[in-house]
């Protein structure tokens, strides 16, 4: 990760990384970070247990990688996606 990110950008990247339907390509397009940069950012910003849960989720989630996505899936965010504020998932 070569660029200096603002706190608001870091929060948005973390939010996008947690969303199942947002592929790493979308994060790369918007912020210029490749998958390994996102993983490093998540490891740095999250508690280790949260990072481990996220990594497990990402590895088992075909929608995070554009090449693994089902044909016709063109949305980034589920309509039922919970809002994420200040890196914490809030309940509805």
PDB file of N, CA and C in Angstrom:
ATOM      1  N   UNK A   1       0.854  -1.166   0.000  1.00  0.00           N
ATOM      2  CA  UNK A   1       0.000   0.000   0.000  1.00  0.00           C
ATOM      3  C   UNK A   1       0.899   1.228   0.000  1.00  0.00           C
ATOM      4  N   UNK A   2       0.881   1.940  -1.074  1.00  0.00           N
ATOM      5  CA  UNK A   2       1.809   3.046  -1.254  1.00  0.00           C
ATOM      6  C   UNK A   2       1.205   4.403  -0.951  1.00  0.00           C
ATOM      7  N   UNK A   3      -0.108   4.502  -1.011  1.00  0.00           N
ATOM      8  CA  UNK A   3      -0.740   5.800  -0.810  1.00  0.00           C
ATOM      9  C   UNK A   3      -1.202   5.981   0.636  1.00  0.00           C
ATOM     10  N   UNK A   4      -1.297   7.235   1.049  1.00  0.00           N
ATOM     11  CA  UNK A   4      -1.792   7.564   2.381  1.00  0.00           C
ATOM     12  C   UNK A   4      -3.304   7.733   2.290  1.00  0.00           C
ATOM     13  N   UNK A   5      -4.034   6.964   3.051  1.00  0.00           N
ATOM     14  CA  UNK A   5      -5.495   7.008   3.011  1.00  0.00           C
ATOM     15  C   UNK A   5      -6.036   7.830   4.171  1.00  0.00           C
ATOM     16  N   UNK A   6      -7.092   8.554   3.907  1.00  0.00           N
ATOM     17  CA  UNK A   6      -7.791   9.311   4.941  1.00  0.00           C
ATOM     18  C   UNK A   6      -8.635   8.346   5.775  1.00  0.00           C
ATOM     19  N   UNK A   7      -8.934   8.696   7.036  1.00  0.00           N
ATOM     20  CA  UNK A   7      -9.753   7.807   7.881  1.00  0.00           C
ATOM     21  C   UNK A   7     -11.101   7.447   7.255  1.00  0.00           C
ATOM     22  N   UNK A   8     -11.724   8.391   6.554  1.00  0.00           N
ATOM     23  CA  UNK A   8     -13.008   8.117   5.903  1.00  0.00           C
ATOM     24  C   UNK A   8     -12.845   7.080   4.801  1.00  0.00           C
ATOM     25  N   UNK A   9     -11.732   7.147   4.078  1.00  0.00           N
ATOM     26  CA  UNK A   9     -11.471   6.173   3.017  1.00  0.00           C
ATOM     27  C   UNK A   9     -11.218   4.795   3.604  1.00  0.00           C
ATOM     28  N   UNK A  10     -10.490   4.735   4.706  1.00  0.00           N
ATOM     29  CA  UNK A  10     -10.229   3.455   5.367  1.00  0.00           C
ATOM     30  C   UNK A  10     -11.536   2.833   5.827  1.00  0.00           C
ATOM     31  N   UNK A  11     -12.416   3.638   6.434  1.00  0.00           N
ATOM     32  CA  UNK A  11     -13.720   3.131   6.871  1.00  0.00           C
ATOM     33  C   UNK A  11     -14.516   2.587   5.689  1.00  0.00           C
ATOM     34  N   UNK A  12     -14.497   3.287   4.565  1.00  0.00           N
ATOM     35  CA  UNK A  12     -15.253   2.854   3.391  1.00  0.00           C
ATOM     36  C   UNK A  12     -14.669   1.570   2.807  1.00  0.00           C
ATOM     37  N   UNK A  13     -13.355   1.453   2.786  1.00  0.00           N
ATOM     38  CA  UNK A  13     -12.714   0.228   2.280  1.00  0.00           C
ATOM     39  C   UNK A  13     -13.081  -0.958   3.163  1.00  0.00           C
ATOM     40  N   UNK A  14     -13.046  -0.761   4.475  1.00  0.00           N
ATOM     41  CA  UNK A  14     -13.415  -1.843   5.398  1.00  0.00           C
ATOM     42  C   UNK A  14     -14.873  -2.229   5.194  1.00  0.00           C
ATOM     43  N   UNK A  15     -15.730  -1.233   5.029  1.00  0.00           N
ATOM     44  CA  UNK A  15     -17.145  -1.501   4.781  1.00  0.00           C
ATOM     45  C   UNK A  15     -17.321  -2.310   3.500  1.00  0.00           C
ATOM     46  N   UNK A  16     -16.653  -1.909   2.442  1.00  0.00           N
ATOM     47  CA  UNK A  16     -16.752  -2.616   1.169  1.00  0.00           C
ATOM     48  C   UNK A  16     -16.182  -4.030   1.274  1.00  0.00           C
ATOM     49  N   UNK A  17     -15.104  -4.186   2.033  1.00  0.00           N
ATOM     50  CA  UNK A  17     -14.483  -5.508   2.182  1.00  0.00           C
ATOM     51  C   UNK A  17     -15.407  -6.473   2.928  1.00  0.00           C
ATOM     52  N   UNK A  18     -16.186  -5.976   3.891  1.00  0.00           N
ATOM     53  CA  UNK A  18     -17.112  -6.821   4.640  1.00  0.00           C
ATOM     54  C   UNK A  18     -18.336  -7.196   3.812  1.00  0.00           C
ATOM     55  N   UNK A  19     -18.709  -6.371   2.843  1.00  0.00           N
ATOM     56  CA  UNK A  19     -19.885  -6.655   2.022  1.00  0.00           C
ATOM     57  C   UNK A  19     -19.593  -7.842   1.105  1.00  0.00           C
ATOM     58  N   UNK A  20     -20.442  -8.841   1.141  1.00  0.00           N
ATOM     59  CA  UNK A  20     -20.222 -10.053   0.348  1.00  0.00           C
ATOM     60  C   UNK A  20     -20.273  -9.788  -1.147  1.00  0.00           C
ATOM     61  N   UNK A  21     -21.109  -8.877  -1.582  1.00  0.00           N
ATOM     62  CA  UNK A  21     -21.307  -8.670  -3.016  1.00  0.00           C
ATOM     63  C   UNK A  21     -20.337  -7.665  -3.618  1.00  0.00           C
ATOM     64  N   UNK A  22     -19.504  -7.049  -2.828  1.00  0.00           N
ATOM     65  CA  UNK A  22     -18.537  -6.090  -3.358  1.00  0.00           C
ATOM     66  C   UNK A  22     -17.243  -6.828  -3.683  1.00  0.00           C
ATOM     67  N   UNK A  23     -16.920  -6.970  -4.953  1.00  0.00           N
ATOM     68  CA  UNK A  23     -15.690  -7.680  -5.314  1.00  0.00           C
ATOM     69  C   UNK A  23     -14.455  -6.810  -5.063  1.00  0.00           C
ATOM     70  N   UNK A  24     -13.320  -7.461  -4.952  1.00  0.00           N
ATOM     71  CA  UNK A  24     -12.064  -6.734  -4.770  1.00  0.00           C
ATOM     72  C   UNK A  24     -11.800  -5.804  -5.950  1.00  0.00           C
ATOM     73  N   UNK A  25     -12.324  -6.158  -7.118  1.00  0.00           N
ATOM     74  CA  UNK A  25     -12.152  -5.301  -8.293  1.00  0.00           C
ATOM     75  C   UNK A  25     -12.788  -3.923  -8.088  1.00  0.00           C
ATOM     76  N   UNK A  26     -13.923  -3.870  -7.377  1.00  0.00           N
ATOM     77  CA  UNK A  26     -14.584  -2.595  -7.117  1.00  0.00           C
ATOM     78  C   UNK A  26     -13.740  -1.729  -6.186  1.00  0.00           C
ATOM     79  N   UNK A  27     -13.104  -2.354  -5.203  1.00  0.00           N
ATOM     80  CA  UNK A  27     -12.226  -1.621  -4.288  1.00  0.00           C
ATOM     81  C   UNK A  27     -11.003  -1.120  -5.053  1.00  0.00           C
ATOM     82  N   UNK A  28     -10.483  -1.960  -5.935  1.00  0.00           N
ATOM     83  CA  UNK A  28      -9.334  -1.555  -6.745  1.00  0.00           C
ATOM     84  C   UNK A  28      -9.704  -0.386  -7.652  1.00  0.00           C
ATOM     85  N   UNK A  29     -10.860  -0.458  -8.267  1.00  0.00           N
ATOM     86  CA  UNK A  29     -11.310   0.608  -9.173  1.00  0.00           C
ATOM     87  C   UNK A  29     -11.478   1.937  -8.435  1.00  0.00           C
ATOM     88  N   UNK A  30     -12.052   1.883  -7.234  1.00  0.00           N
ATOM     89  CA  UNK A  30     -12.350   3.117  -6.499  1.00  0.00           C
ATOM     90  C   UNK A  30     -11.144   3.662  -5.746  1.00  0.00           C
ATOM     91  N   UNK A  31     -10.321   2.784  -5.160  1.00  0.00           N
ATOM     92  CA  UNK A  31      -9.239   3.244  -4.286  1.00  0.00           C
ATOM     93  C   UNK A  31      -7.839   2.869  -4.773  1.00  0.00           C
ATOM     94  N   UNK A  32      -7.744   2.039  -5.807  1.00  0.00           N
ATOM     95  CA  UNK A  32      -6.447   1.659  -6.332  1.00  0.00           C
ATOM     96  C   UNK A  32      -5.728   0.605  -5.516  1.00  0.00           C
ATOM     97  N   UNK A  33      -6.445  -0.092  -4.644  1.00  0.00           N
ATOM     98  CA  UNK A  33      -5.835  -1.136  -3.810  1.00  0.00           C
ATOM     99  C   UNK A  33      -6.131  -2.509  -4.396  1.00  0.00           C
ATOM    100  N   UNK A  34      -5.096  -3.319  -4.547  1.00  0.00           N
ATOM    101  CA  UNK A  34      -5.293  -4.695  -5.004  1.00  0.00           C
ATOM    102  C   UNK A  34      -5.683  -5.559  -3.806  1.00  0.00           C
ATOM    103  N   UNK A  35      -6.059  -6.793  -4.069  1.00  0.00           N
ATOM    104  CA  UNK A  35      -6.545  -7.686  -3.014  1.00  0.00           C
ATOM    105  C   UNK A  35      -5.556  -7.811  -1.856  1.00  0.00           C
ATOM    106  N   UNK A  36      -4.277  -7.955  -2.151  1.00  0.00           N
ATOM    107  CA  UNK A  36      -3.277  -8.098  -1.075  1.00  0.00           C
ATOM    108  C   UNK A  36      -3.190  -6.825  -0.227  1.00  0.00           C
ATOM    109  N   UNK A  37      -3.387  -5.657  -0.850  1.00  0.00           N
ATOM    110  CA  UNK A  37      -3.401  -4.398  -0.092  1.00  0.00           C
ATOM    111  C   UNK A  37      -4.602  -4.329   0.846  1.00  0.00           C
ATOM    112  N   UNK A  38      -5.753  -4.794   0.361  1.00  0.00           N
ATOM    113  CA  UNK A  38      -6.962  -4.799   1.188  1.00  0.00           C
ATOM    114  C   UNK A  38      -6.768  -5.739   2.373  1.00  0.00           C
ATOM    115  N   UNK A  39      -6.190  -6.906   2.119  1.00  0.00           N
ATOM    116  CA  UNK A  39      -5.940  -7.859   3.209  1.00  0.00           C
ATOM    117  C   UNK A  39      -4.994  -7.273   4.245  1.00  0.00           C
ATOM    118  N   UNK A  40      -3.949  -6.581   3.788  1.00  0.00           N
ATOM    119  CA  UNK A  40      -3.005  -5.950   4.718  1.00  0.00           C
ATOM    120  C   UNK A  40      -3.688  -4.847   5.524  1.00  0.00           C
ATOM    121  N   UNK A  41      -4.525  -4.059   4.869  1.00  0.00           N
ATOM    122  CA  UNK A  41      -5.254  -2.993   5.557  1.00  0.00           C
ATOM    123  C   UNK A  41      -6.195  -3.574   6.606  1.00  0.00           C
ATOM    124  N   UNK A  42      -6.916  -4.619   6.241  1.00  0.00           N
ATOM    125  CA  UNK A  42      -7.837  -5.257   7.183  1.00  0.00           C
ATOM    126  C   UNK A  42      -7.079  -5.837   8.375  1.00  0.00           C
ATOM    127  N   UNK A  43      -5.940  -6.448   8.126  1.00  0.00           N
ATOM    128  CA  UNK A  43      -5.148  -7.023   9.212  1.00  0.00           C
ATOM    129  C   UNK A  43      -4.658  -5.934  10.160  1.00  0.00           C
ATOM    130  N   UNK A  44      -4.294  -4.791   9.595  1.00  0.00           N
ATOM    131  CA  UNK A  44      -3.796  -3.675  10.400  1.00  0.00           C
ATOM    132  C   UNK A  44      -4.912  -3.006  11.203  1.00  0.00           C
ATOM    133  N   UNK A  45      -6.099  -2.862  10.604  1.00  0.00           N
ATOM    134  CA  UNK A  45      -7.173  -2.071  11.206  1.00  0.00           C
ATOM    135  C   UNK A  45      -8.120  -2.853  12.109  1.00  0.00           C
ATOM    136  N   UNK A  46      -8.250  -4.168  11.891  1.00  0.00           N
ATOM    137  CA  UNK A  46      -9.189  -4.965  12.675  1.00  0.00           C
ATOM    138  C   UNK A  46      -8.493  -5.688  13.820  1.00  0.00           C
ATOM    139  N   UNK A  47      -9.296  -6.083  14.817  1.00  0.00           N
ATOM    140  CA  UNK A  47      -8.772  -6.979  15.834  1.00  0.00           C
ATOM    141  C   UNK A  47      -8.428  -8.290  15.138  1.00  0.00           C
ATOM    142  N   UNK A  48      -7.471  -9.021  15.689  1.00  0.00           N
ATOM    143  CA  UNK A  48      -7.035 -10.256  15.027  1.00  0.00           C
ATOM    144  C   UNK A  48      -8.181 -11.240  14.848  1.00  0.00           C
ATOM    145  N   UNK A  49      -9.043 -11.377  15.863  1.00  0.00           N
ATOM    146  CA  UNK A  49     -10.159 -12.320  15.749  1.00  0.00           C
ATOM    147  C   UNK A  49     -11.133 -11.886  14.651  1.00  0.00           C
ATOM    148  N   UNK A  50     -11.358 -10.597  14.514  1.00  0.00           N
ATOM    149  CA  UNK A  50     -12.234 -10.091  13.450  1.00  0.00           C
ATOM    150  C   UNK A  50     -11.596 -10.302  12.096  1.00  0.00           C
ATOM    151  N   UNK A  51     -10.299 -10.075  12.008  1.00  0.00           N
ATOM    152  CA  UNK A  51      -9.581 -10.294  10.758  1.00  0.00           C
ATOM    153  C   UNK A  51      -9.658 -11.761  10.335  1.00  0.00           C
ATOM    154  N   UNK A  52      -9.464 -12.657  11.301  1.00  0.00           N
ATOM    155  CA  UNK A  52      -9.508 -14.089  11.009  1.00  0.00           C
ATOM    156  C   UNK A  52     -10.901 -14.493  10.504  1.00  0.00           C
ATOM    157  N   UNK A  53     -11.955 -13.977  11.130  1.00  0.00           N
ATOM    158  CA  UNK A  53     -13.319 -14.259  10.677  1.00  0.00           C
ATOM    159  C   UNK A  53     -13.555 -13.717   9.269  1.00  0.00           C
ATOM    160  N   UNK A  54     -13.049 -12.518   9.008  1.00  0.00           N
ATOM    161  CA  UNK A  54     -13.202 -11.916   7.686  1.00  0.00           C
ATOM    162  C   UNK A  54     -12.478 -12.735   6.625  1.00  0.00           C
ATOM    163  N   UNK A  55     -11.249 -13.155   6.914  1.00  0.00           N
ATOM    164  CA  UNK A  55     -10.477 -13.950   5.948  1.00  0.00           C
ATOM    165  C   UNK A  55     -11.183 -15.261   5.631  1.00  0.00           C
ATOM    166  N   UNK A  56     -11.717 -15.909   6.657  1.00  0.00           N
ATOM    167  CA  UNK A  56     -12.444 -17.158   6.445  1.00  0.00           C
ATOM    168  C   UNK A  56     -13.673 -16.897   5.569  1.00  0.00           C
ATOM    169  N   UNK A  57     -14.360 -15.819   5.844  1.00  0.00           N
ATOM    170  CA  UNK A  57     -15.549 -15.454   5.073  1.00  0.00           C
ATOM    171  C   UNK A  57     -15.182 -15.173   3.612  1.00  0.00           C
ATOM    172  N   UNK A  58     -14.101 -14.447   3.397  1.00  0.00           N
ATOM    173  CA  UNK A  58     -13.674 -14.099   2.042  1.00  0.00           C
ATOM    174  C   UNK A  58     -13.267 -15.350   1.264  1.00  0.00           C
ATOM    175  N   UNK A  59     -12.552 -16.248   1.905  1.00  0.00           N
ATOM    176  CA  UNK A  59     -12.097 -17.464   1.224  1.00  0.00           C
ATOM    177  C   UNK A  59     -13.271 -18.322   0.768  1.00  0.00           C
ATOM    178  N   UNK A  60     -14.371 -18.289   1.517  1.00  0.00           N
ATOM    179  CA  UNK A  60     -15.534 -19.120   1.194  1.00  0.00           C
ATOM    180  C   UNK A  60     -16.593 -18.373   0.389  1.00  0.00           C
ATOM    181  N   UNK A  61     -16.320 -17.139   0.009  1.00  0.00           N
ATOM    182  CA  UNK A  61     -17.310 -16.306  -0.660  1.00  0.00           C
ATOM    183  C   UNK A  61     -16.926 -16.108  -2.132  1.00  0.00           C
ATOM    184  N   UNK A  62     -17.667 -16.737  -3.015  1.00  0.00           N
ATOM    185  CA  UNK A  62     -17.353 -16.645  -4.442  1.00  0.00           C
ATOM    186  C   UNK A  62     -17.626 -15.258  -5.010  1.00  0.00           C
ATOM    187  N   UNK A  63     -18.456 -14.465  -4.352  1.00  0.00           N
ATOM    188  CA  UNK A  63     -18.819 -13.155  -4.897  1.00  0.00           C
ATOM    189  C   UNK A  63     -17.739 -12.102  -4.684  1.00  0.00           C
ATOM    190  N   UNK A  64     -16.739 -12.360  -3.857  1.00  0.00           N
ATOM    191  CA  UNK A  64     -15.675 -11.381  -3.621  1.00  0.00           C
ATOM    192  C   UNK A  64     -14.690 -11.335  -4.773  1.00  0.00           C
ATOM    193  N   UNK A  65     -14.665 -12.358  -5.582  1.00  0.00           N
ATOM    194  CA  UNK A  65     -13.754 -12.414  -6.720  1.00  0.00           C
ATOM    195  C   UNK A  65     -14.601 -12.408  -7.989  1.00  0.00           C
ATOM    196  N   UNK A  66     -14.440 -11.381  -8.795  1.00  0.00           N
ATOM    197  CA  UNK A  66     -15.295 -11.194  -9.973  1.00  0.00           C
ATOM    198  C   UNK A  66     -15.296 -12.412 -10.895  1.00  0.00           C
ATOM    199  N   UNK A  67     -14.181 -13.102 -11.014  1.00  0.00           N
ATOM    200  CA  UNK A  67     -14.108 -14.250 -11.910  1.00  0.00           C
ATOM    201  C   UNK A  67     -14.910 -15.441 -11.394  1.00  0.00           C
ATOM    202  N   UNK A  68     -15.165 -15.492 -10.088  1.00  0.00           N
ATOM    203  CA  UNK A  68     -15.920 -16.597  -9.495  1.00  0.00           C
ATOM    204  C   UNK A  68     -17.415 -16.301  -9.403  1.00  0.00           C
ATOM    205  N   UNK A  69     -17.819 -15.063  -9.711  1.00  0.00           N
ATOM    206  CA  UNK A  69     -19.218 -14.670  -9.554  1.00  0.00           C
ATOM    207  C   UNK A  69     -20.123 -15.403 -10.534  1.00  0.00           C
ATOM    208  N   UNK A  70     -21.354 -15.585 -10.137  1.00  0.00           N
ATOM    209  CA  UNK A  70     -22.365 -16.208 -10.971  1.00  0.00           C
ATOM    210  C   UNK A  70     -22.710 -15.249 -12.107  1.00  0.00           C
ATOM    211  N   UNK A  71     -22.911 -15.778 -13.279  1.00  0.00           N
ATOM    212  CA  UNK A  71     -23.280 -14.977 -14.454  1.00  0.00           C
ATOM    213  C   UNK A  71     -24.540 -14.172 -14.155  1.00  0.00           C
ATOM    214  N   UNK A  72     -24.518 -12.898 -14.451  1.00  0.00           N
ATOM    215  CA  UNK A  72     -25.689 -12.050 -14.260  1.00  0.00           C
ATOM    216  C   UNK A  72     -25.718 -11.315 -12.928  1.00  0.00           C
ATOM    217  N   UNK A  73     -24.782 -11.604 -12.018  1.00  0.00           N
ATOM    218  CA  UNK A  73     -24.741 -10.900 -10.734  1.00  0.00           C
ATOM    219  C   UNK A  73     -24.009  -9.587 -10.962  1.00  0.00           C
ATOM    220  N   UNK A  74     -24.762  -8.499 -10.940  1.00  0.00           N
ATOM    221  CA  UNK A  74     -24.152  -7.212 -11.237  1.00  0.00           C
ATOM    222  C   UNK A  74     -24.289  -6.197 -10.109  1.00  0.00           C
ATOM    223  N   UNK A  75     -24.863  -6.595  -8.982  1.00  0.00           N
ATOM    224  CA  UNK A  75     -24.983  -5.686  -7.848  1.00  0.00           C
ATOM    225  C   UNK A  75     -23.790  -5.865  -6.924  1.00  0.00           C
ATOM    226  N   UNK A  76     -23.412  -4.801  -6.248  1.00  0.00           N
ATOM    227  CA  UNK A  76     -22.329  -4.882  -5.286  1.00  0.00           C
ATOM    228  C   UNK A  76     -22.852  -5.120  -3.874  1.00  0.00           C
ATOM    229  N   UNK A  77     -24.039  -4.619  -3.567  1.00  0.00           N
ATOM    230  CA  UNK A  77     -24.520  -4.656  -2.195  1.00  0.00           C
ATOM    231  C   UNK A  77     -25.902  -5.275  -2.140  1.00  0.00           C
ATOM    232  N   UNK A  78     -26.082  -6.167  -1.214  1.00  0.00           N
ATOM    233  CA  UNK A  78     -27.370  -6.798  -0.993  1.00  0.00           C
ATOM    234  C   UNK A  78     -28.353  -5.762  -0.443  1.00  0.00           C
ATOM    235  N   UNK A  79     -29.606  -5.854  -0.828  1.00  0.00           N
ATOM    236  CA  UNK A  79     -30.620  -4.934  -0.315  1.00  0.00           C
ATOM    237  C   UNK A  79     -30.772  -5.038   1.195  1.00  0.00           C
ATOM    238  N   UNK A  80     -30.460  -6.188   1.750  1.00  0.00           N
ATOM    239  CA  UNK A  80     -30.622  -6.411   3.186  1.00  0.00           C
ATOM    240  C   UNK A  80     -29.336  -6.205   3.965  1.00  0.00           C
ATOM    241  N   UNK A  81     -28.283  -5.722   3.299  1.00  0.00           N
ATOM    242  CA  UNK A  81     -26.988  -5.523   3.954  1.00  0.00           C
ATOM    243  C   UNK A  81     -27.132  -4.566   5.126  1.00  0.00           C
ATOM    244  N   UNK A  82     -26.605  -4.948   6.264  1.00  0.00           N
ATOM    245  CA  UNK A  82     -26.639  -4.075   7.434  1.00  0.00           C
ATOM    246  C   UNK A  82     -25.723  -2.885   7.211  1.00  0.00           C
ATOM    247  N   UNK A  83     -26.046  -1.811   7.846  1.00  0.00           N
ATOM    248  CA  UNK A  83     -25.176  -0.650   7.737  1.00  0.00           C
ATOM    249  C   UNK A  83     -23.959  -0.849   8.617  1.00  0.00           C
ATOM    250  N   UNK A  84     -22.852  -0.337   8.168  1.00  0.00           N
ATOM    251  CA  UNK A  84     -21.611  -0.461   8.914  1.00  0.00           C
ATOM    252  C   UNK A  84     -21.121   0.947   9.227  1.00  0.00           C
ATOM    253  N   UNK A  85     -20.929   1.225  10.501  1.00  0.00           N
ATOM    254  CA  UNK A  85     -20.520   2.557  10.910  1.00  0.00           C
ATOM    255  C   UNK A  85     -19.308   2.439  11.826  1.00  0.00           C
ATOM    256  N   UNK A  86     -18.289   3.252  11.548  1.00  0.00           N
ATOM    257  CA  UNK A  86     -17.085   3.259  12.366  1.00  0.00           C
ATOM    258  C   UNK A  86     -16.526   1.862  12.589  1.00  0.00           C
ATOM    259  N   UNK A  87     -16.529   1.049  11.528  1.00  0.00           N
ATOM    260  CA  UNK A  87     -15.962  -0.302  11.530  1.00  0.00           C
ATOM    261  C   UNK A  87     -16.729  -1.287  12.413  1.00  0.00           C
ATOM    262  N   UNK A  88     -17.919  -0.917  12.856  1.00  0.00           N
ATOM    263  CA  UNK A  88     -18.707  -1.818  13.683  1.00  0.00           C
ATOM    264  C   UNK A  88     -20.034  -2.060  12.993  1.00  0.00           C
ATOM    265  N   UNK A  89     -20.460  -3.289  12.964  1.00  0.00           N
ATOM    266  CA  UNK A  89     -21.735  -3.617  12.343  1.00  0.00           C
ATOM    267  C   UNK A  89     -22.835  -3.291  13.340  1.00  0.00           C
ATOM    268  N   UNK A  90     -23.752  -2.435  12.945  1.00  0.00           N
ATOM    269  CA  UNK A  90     -24.853  -2.063  13.832  1.00  0.00           C
ATOM    270  C   UNK A  90     -26.063  -2.927  13.547  1.00  0.00           C
ATOM    271  N   UNK A  91     -26.812  -3.203  14.584  1.00  0.00           N
ATOM    272  CA  UNK A  91     -28.020  -4.014  14.436  1.00  0.00           C
ATOM    273  C   UNK A  91     -29.150  -3.124  13.940  1.00  0.00           C
ATOM    274  N   UNK A  92     -30.098  -3.738  13.254  1.00  0.00           N
ATOM    275  CA  UNK A  92     -31.258  -2.986  12.783  1.00  0.00           C
ATOM    276  C   UNK A  92     -32.200  -2.712  13.927  1.00  0.00           C
TER     277      UNK A  92
END
